[in-house]
Amino acid sequence: IFALLFLTVSLAGADFCVDPDNHVETLLHKNAEMFDSIIFGFMIYYISGCQIMPPGKYDIIAVMEQVKVVLYFAHKLTELTENLPIEAIAIACGLGTADARALQALISLLHEGTHVLNRAIVGLRTILACETFNPIYTTFVHDALCAEGVTGITYIFSSALVIAIFSMVMVMLRAALYPIKESNAKPA
């Protein structure tokens, strides 16, 4: 039974691995309602080897460009105002010295915040890049599941089949070793 099970799994895995990307895409399309449309689009994008563009990719790129422009100007503004003397800030804004110091501290914090936000955007772009996710997918599906998995299941099938054959031989030889003795007693 186990040999048959492993043979079936091995054959199914081999059939799957003829074109694994197509099978995974078909499975995803059948279960598309389980995913958000953008997540579904990016999954198809990564599985296709980054050939099929996800819906909304250009919108995301446009938003990222706008955020980059806003960050650039916010950074320039904080750089300009951060280096102003306290008295100049107090006169320009009509504030007292203590309030001008607080404003300069806030501007310094905003300046650092623009750096943090910029690094976060660059990191997000790196994480979502095709070069990040597609190798993970290909390693898991193509290498691990198709190459190593099918080979491993085939070895397990072979081992289970050898065990089954030798077990049957052992049972047959045991019966041949101890012949059946008939009793002379008459049934009542």
C-alpha atoms as a PDB file:
ATOM      1  CA  ILE A   1       0.000   0.000   0.000  1.00  0.00           C
ATOM      2  CA  PHE A   2       2.794   2.410   0.909  1.00  0.00           C
ATOM      3  CA  ALA A   3       4.730   1.529  -2.254  1.00  0.00           C
ATOM      4  CA  LEU A   4       1.641   2.304  -4.326  1.00  0.00           C
ATOM      5  CA  LEU A   5       1.119   5.567  -2.430  1.00  0.00           C
ATOM      6  CA  PHE A   6       4.710   6.684  -3.019  1.00  0.00           C
ATOM      7  CA  LEU A   7       4.506   5.627  -6.681  1.00  0.00           C
ATOM      8  CA  THR A   8       1.374   7.736  -7.117  1.00  0.00           C
ATOM      9  CA  VAL A   9       2.938  10.744  -5.387  1.00  0.00           C
ATOM     10  CA  SER A  10       6.115  10.334  -7.437  1.00  0.00           C
ATOM     11  CA  LEU A  11       4.202  10.176 -10.720  1.00  0.00           C
ATOM     12  CA  ALA A  12       1.984  13.117  -9.758  1.00  0.00           C
ATOM     13  CA  GLY A  13       5.063  15.125  -8.805  1.00  0.00           C
ATOM     14  CA  ALA A  14       6.739  14.262 -12.088  1.00  0.00           C
ATOM     15  CA  ASP A  15       3.625  15.314 -14.024  1.00  0.00           C
ATOM     16  CA  PHE A  16       3.463  18.548 -12.040  1.00  0.00           C
ATOM     17  CA  CYS A  17       7.124  19.263 -12.714  1.00  0.00           C
ATOM     18  CA  VAL A  18       6.761  19.119 -16.496  1.00  0.00           C
ATOM     19  CA  ASP A  19       5.503  22.744 -16.332  1.00  0.00           C
ATOM     20  CA  PRO A  20       5.308  23.771 -12.665  1.00  0.00           C
ATOM     21  CA  ASP A  21       4.811  27.491 -13.303  1.00  0.00           C
ATOM     22  CA  ASN A  22       1.714  26.848 -15.394  1.00  0.00           C
ATOM     23  CA  HIS A  23       0.271  24.517 -12.741  1.00  0.00           C
ATOM     24  CA  VAL A  24       0.923  27.030  -9.947  1.00  0.00           C
ATOM     25  CA  GLU A  25      -0.626  29.866 -11.992  1.00  0.00           C
ATOM     26  CA  THR A  26      -3.685  27.718 -12.707  1.00  0.00           C
ATOM     27  CA  LEU A  27      -4.025  26.915  -9.004  1.00  0.00           C
ATOM     28  CA  LEU A  28      -3.740  30.602  -8.130  1.00  0.00           C
ATOM     29  CA  HIS A  29      -6.312  31.609 -10.748  1.00  0.00           C
ATOM     30  CA  LYS A  30      -8.748  29.011  -9.367  1.00  0.00           C
ATOM     31  CA  ASN A  31      -8.304  30.482  -5.865  1.00  0.00           C
ATOM     32  CA  ALA A  32      -8.007  34.144  -6.880  1.00  0.00           C
ATOM     33  CA  GLU A  33     -10.856  35.224  -4.590  1.00  0.00           C
ATOM     34  CA  MET A  34      -8.735  34.272  -1.564  1.00  0.00           C
ATOM     35  CA  PHE A  35      -6.188  37.005  -2.334  1.00  0.00           C
ATOM     36  CA  ASP A  36      -6.307  40.772  -2.577  1.00  0.00           C
ATOM     37  CA  SER A  37      -6.047  41.796  -6.228  1.00  0.00           C
ATOM     38  CA  ILE A  38      -2.685  43.531  -5.800  1.00  0.00           C
ATOM     39  CA  ILE A  39      -1.210  40.593  -3.855  1.00  0.00           C
ATOM     40  CA  PHE A  40      -2.588  38.187  -6.459  1.00  0.00           C
ATOM     41  CA  GLY A  41      -1.093  40.295  -9.241  1.00  0.00           C
ATOM     42  CA  PHE A  42       2.329  40.360  -7.619  1.00  0.00           C
ATOM     43  CA  MET A  43       2.225  36.593  -7.016  1.00  0.00           C
ATOM     44  CA  ILE A  44       1.518  36.009 -10.715  1.00  0.00           C
ATOM     45  CA  TYR A  45       4.254  38.540 -11.544  1.00  0.00           C
ATOM     46  CA  TYR A  46       6.870  36.657  -9.501  1.00  0.00           C
ATOM     47  CA  ILE A  47       5.769  33.204 -10.685  1.00  0.00           C
ATOM     48  CA  SER A  48       5.874  34.256 -14.337  1.00  0.00           C
ATOM     49  CA  GLY A  49       9.511  35.268 -13.969  1.00  0.00           C
ATOM     50  CA  CYS A  50       8.437  38.930 -13.913  1.00  0.00           C
ATOM     51  CA  GLN A  51       6.972  38.752 -17.423  1.00  0.00           C
ATOM     52  CA  ILE A  52       3.323  39.512 -16.559  1.00  0.00           C
ATOM     53  CA  MET A  53       3.024  42.968 -15.024  1.00  0.00           C
ATOM     54  CA  PRO A  54       0.834  43.123 -11.918  1.00  0.00           C
ATOM     55  CA  PRO A  55      -2.214  45.393 -11.991  1.00  0.00           C
ATOM     56  CA  GLY A  56      -1.506  48.682 -10.331  1.00  0.00           C
ATOM     57  CA  LYS A  57       2.263  48.451 -10.733  1.00  0.00           C
ATOM     58  CA  TYR A  58       2.405  51.716 -12.648  1.00  0.00           C
ATOM     59  CA  ASP A  59       0.170  53.384 -10.060  1.00  0.00           C
ATOM     60  CA  ILE A  60       2.522  52.228  -7.312  1.00  0.00           C
ATOM     61  CA  ILE A  61       5.508  53.513  -9.283  1.00  0.00           C
ATOM     62  CA  ALA A  62       3.769  56.887  -9.784  1.00  0.00           C
ATOM     63  CA  VAL A  63       2.988  57.160  -6.057  1.00  0.00           C
ATOM     64  CA  MET A  64       6.576  56.218  -5.197  1.00  0.00           C
ATOM     65  CA  GLU A  65       7.868  58.945  -7.541  1.00  0.00           C
ATOM     66  CA  GLN A  66       5.577  61.508  -5.903  1.00  0.00           C
ATOM     67  CA  VAL A  67       6.691  60.429  -2.445  1.00  0.00           C
ATOM     68  CA  LYS A  68      10.307  60.700  -3.597  1.00  0.00           C
ATOM     69  CA  VAL A  69       9.724  64.274  -4.786  1.00  0.00           C
ATOM     70  CA  VAL A  70       7.970  65.224  -1.539  1.00  0.00           C
ATOM     71  CA  LEU A  71      10.806  63.686   0.475  1.00  0.00           C
ATOM     72  CA  TYR A  72      13.387  65.545  -1.583  1.00  0.00           C
ATOM     73  CA  PHE A  73      11.764  68.923  -0.997  1.00  0.00           C
ATOM     74  CA  ALA A  74      11.039  68.163   2.666  1.00  0.00           C
ATOM     75  CA  HIS A  75      14.693  67.200   3.085  1.00  0.00           C
ATOM     76  CA  LYS A  76      15.885  70.408   1.392  1.00  0.00           C
ATOM     77  CA  LEU A  77      13.517  72.517   3.510  1.00  0.00           C
ATOM     78  CA  THR A  78      14.640  70.895   6.752  1.00  0.00           C
ATOM     79  CA  GLU A  79      18.290  71.278   5.737  1.00  0.00           C
ATOM     80  CA  LEU A  80      17.816  74.987   5.082  1.00  0.00           C
ATOM     81  CA  THR A  81      15.891  75.730   8.260  1.00  0.00           C
ATOM     82  CA  GLU A  82      17.890  73.401  10.495  1.00  0.00           C
ATOM     83  CA  ASN A  83      21.077  75.405  10.011  1.00  0.00           C
ATOM     84  CA  LEU A  84      19.486  78.808  10.666  1.00  0.00           C
ATOM     85  CA  PRO A  85      20.447  80.558  13.877  1.00  0.00           C
ATOM     86  CA  ILE A  86      17.820  80.491  16.654  1.00  0.00           C
ATOM     87  CA  GLU A  87      17.425  84.269  16.453  1.00  0.00           C
ATOM     88  CA  ALA A  88      16.699  84.133  12.706  1.00  0.00           C
ATOM     89  CA  ILE A  89      14.020  81.479  13.271  1.00  0.00           C
ATOM     90  CA  ALA A  90      12.526  83.511  16.128  1.00  0.00           C
ATOM     91  CA  ILE A  91      12.355  86.682  14.004  1.00  0.00           C
ATOM     92  CA  ALA A  92      11.080  84.934  10.846  1.00  0.00           C
ATOM     93  CA  CYS A  93       8.350  83.041  12.679  1.00  0.00           C
ATOM     94  CA  GLY A  94       7.544  85.627  15.338  1.00  0.00           C
ATOM     95  CA  LEU A  95       8.474  83.270  18.166  1.00  0.00           C
ATOM     96  CA  GLY A  96      10.314  83.549  21.421  1.00  0.00           C
ATOM     97  CA  THR A  97      13.764  82.004  21.817  1.00  0.00           C
ATOM     98  CA  ALA A  98      12.445  78.913  23.632  1.00  0.00           C
ATOM     99  CA  ASP A  99       9.797  78.328  20.965  1.00  0.00           C
ATOM    100  CA  ALA A 100      12.392  78.834  18.211  1.00  0.00           C
ATOM    101  CA  ARG A 101      14.640  76.191  19.845  1.00  0.00           C
ATOM    102  CA  ALA A 102      11.686  73.800  20.035  1.00  0.00           C
ATOM    103  CA  LEU A 103      10.904  74.472  16.363  1.00  0.00           C
ATOM    104  CA  GLN A 104      14.547  73.869  15.407  1.00  0.00           C
ATOM    105  CA  ALA A 105      14.513  70.578  17.346  1.00  0.00           C
ATOM    106  CA  LEU A 106      11.327  69.586  15.497  1.00  0.00           C
ATOM    107  CA  ILE A 107      12.958  70.507  12.187  1.00  0.00           C
ATOM    108  CA  SER A 108      15.993  68.345  13.081  1.00  0.00           C
ATOM    109  CA  LEU A 109      13.640  65.486  13.900  1.00  0.00           C
ATOM    110  CA  LEU A 110      11.857  65.947  10.568  1.00  0.00           C
ATOM    111  CA  HIS A 111      15.226  65.965   8.804  1.00  0.00           C
ATOM    112  CA  GLU A 112      16.128  62.614  10.336  1.00  0.00           C
ATOM    113  CA  GLY A 113      12.622  61.388   9.549  1.00  0.00           C
ATOM    114  CA  THR A 114      13.122  62.112   5.849  1.00  0.00           C
ATOM    115  CA  HIS A 115      16.291  59.983   5.916  1.00  0.00           C
ATOM    116  CA  VAL A 116      14.463  57.126   7.646  1.00  0.00           C
ATOM    117  CA  LEU A 117      11.546  57.325   5.217  1.00  0.00           C
ATOM    118  CA  ASN A 118      13.896  57.382   2.232  1.00  0.00           C
ATOM    119  CA  ARG A 119      15.748  54.288   3.503  1.00  0.00           C
ATOM    120  CA  ALA A 120      12.401  52.551   4.083  1.00  0.00           C
ATOM    121  CA  ILE A 121      11.274  53.265   0.517  1.00  0.00           C
ATOM    122  CA  VAL A 122      14.569  52.039  -0.920  1.00  0.00           C
ATOM    123  CA  GLY A 123      14.327  48.913   1.254  1.00  0.00           C
ATOM    124  CA  LEU A 124      10.725  48.277   0.169  1.00  0.00           C
ATOM    125  CA  ARG A 125      11.729  48.646  -3.468  1.00  0.00           C
ATOM    126  CA  THR A 126      14.549  46.153  -2.901  1.00  0.00           C
ATOM    127  CA  ILE A 127      12.269  43.689  -1.135  1.00  0.00           C
ATOM    128  CA  LEU A 128       9.567  43.849  -3.810  1.00  0.00           C
ATOM    129  CA  ALA A 129      12.046  43.553  -6.675  1.00  0.00           C
ATOM    130  CA  CYS A 130      11.756  40.542  -8.929  1.00  0.00           C
ATOM    131  CA  GLU A 131      15.343  39.597  -8.109  1.00  0.00           C
ATOM    132  CA  THR A 132      14.268  39.046  -4.498  1.00  0.00           C
ATOM    133  CA  PHE A 133      11.106  36.934  -4.768  1.00  0.00           C
ATOM    134  CA  ASN A 134      11.523  35.028  -8.016  1.00  0.00           C
ATOM    135  CA  PRO A 135      14.651  33.146  -6.811  1.00  0.00           C
ATOM    136  CA  ILE A 136      12.772  32.128  -3.660  1.00  0.00           C
ATOM    137  CA  TYR A 137       9.929  30.740  -5.759  1.00  0.00           C
ATOM    138  CA  THR A 138      12.204  28.961  -8.233  1.00  0.00           C
ATOM    139  CA  THR A 139      14.318  27.481  -5.443  1.00  0.00           C
ATOM    140  CA  PHE A 140      11.242  26.154  -3.651  1.00  0.00           C
ATOM    141  CA  VAL A 141       9.237  24.896  -6.629  1.00  0.00           C
ATOM    142  CA  HIS A 142      11.814  24.007  -9.261  1.00  0.00           C
ATOM    143  CA  ASP A 143      14.754  22.874  -7.150  1.00  0.00           C
ATOM    144  CA  ALA A 144      13.256  21.586  -3.907  1.00  0.00           C
ATOM    145  CA  LEU A 145       9.869  20.270  -5.015  1.00  0.00           C
ATOM    146  CA  CYS A 146      10.600  19.134  -8.560  1.00  0.00           C
ATOM    147  CA  ALA A 147      14.231  18.081  -8.545  1.00  0.00           C
ATOM    148  CA  GLU A 148      14.862  16.895  -5.007  1.00  0.00           C
ATOM    149  CA  GLY A 149      11.304  16.041  -3.946  1.00  0.00           C
ATOM    150  CA  VAL A 150      10.412  13.796  -6.872  1.00  0.00           C
ATOM    151  CA  THR A 151      13.793  12.078  -6.670  1.00  0.00           C
ATOM    152  CA  GLY A 152      13.347  11.485  -2.937  1.00  0.00           C
ATOM    153  CA  ILE A 153       9.820  10.113  -3.344  1.00  0.00           C
ATOM    154  CA  THR A 154      11.091   7.813  -6.118  1.00  0.00           C
ATOM    155  CA  TYR A 155      13.782   6.435  -3.790  1.00  0.00           C
ATOM    156  CA  ILE A 156      11.187   5.921  -1.061  1.00  0.00           C
ATOM    157  CA  PHE A 157       8.960   4.077  -3.563  1.00  0.00           C
ATOM    158  CA  SER A 158      11.874   1.861  -4.611  1.00  0.00           C
ATOM    159  CA  SER A 159      12.744   1.093  -0.989  1.00  0.00           C
ATOM    160  CA  ALA A 160       9.116   0.323  -0.079  1.00  0.00           C
ATOM    161  CA  LEU A 161       8.771  -1.941  -3.127  1.00  0.00           C
ATOM    162  CA  VAL A 162      11.957  -3.865  -2.239  1.00  0.00           C
ATOM    163  CA  ILE A 163      10.752  -4.222   1.356  1.00  0.00           C
ATOM    164  CA  ALA A 164       7.360  -5.487   0.149  1.00  0.00           C
ATOM    165  CA  ILE A 165       8.912  -8.036  -2.225  1.00  0.00           C
ATOM    166  CA  PHE A 166      11.356  -9.393   0.340  1.00  0.00           C
ATOM    167  CA  SER A 167       8.607  -9.517   2.971  1.00  0.00           C
ATOM    168  CA  MET A 168       6.478 -11.671   0.681  1.00  0.00           C
ATOM    169  CA  VAL A 169       9.480 -13.907  -0.101  1.00  0.00           C
ATOM    170  CA  MET A 170      10.136 -14.245   3.620  1.00  0.00           C
ATOM    171  CA  VAL A 171       6.511 -15.237   4.295  1.00  0.00           C
ATOM    172  CA  MET A 172       6.575 -17.792   1.441  1.00  0.00           C
ATOM    173  CA  LEU A 173       9.894 -19.309   2.548  1.00  0.00           C
ATOM    174  CA  ARG A 174       8.672 -19.573   6.128  1.00  0.00           C
ATOM    175  CA  ALA A 175       5.673 -21.566   4.946  1.00  0.00           C
ATOM    176  CA  ALA A 176       7.944 -23.822   2.903  1.00  0.00           C
ATOM    177  CA  LEU A 177      10.281 -24.324   5.855  1.00  0.00           C
ATOM    178  CA  TYR A 178       7.530 -25.536   8.176  1.00  0.00           C
ATOM    179  CA  PRO A 179       5.201 -27.813   6.216  1.00  0.00           C
ATOM    180  CA  ILE A 180       1.630 -28.152   7.354  1.00  0.00           C
ATOM    181  CA  LYS A 181       0.987 -31.299   9.410  1.00  0.00           C
ATOM    182  CA  GLU A 182      -2.368 -32.948   9.074  1.00  0.00           C
ATOM    183  CA  SER A 183      -3.908 -34.323  12.197  1.00  0.00           C
ATOM    184  CA  ASN A 184      -5.519 -37.776  12.224  1.00  0.00           C
ATOM    185  CA  ALA A 185      -8.258 -36.760  14.558  1.00  0.00           C
ATOM    186  CA  LYS A 186     -11.756 -37.107  13.207  1.00  0.00           C
ATOM    187  CA  PRO A 187     -14.092 -34.195  13.444  1.00  0.00           C
ATOM    188  CA  ALA A 188     -16.928 -34.707  15.919  1.00  0.00           C
END
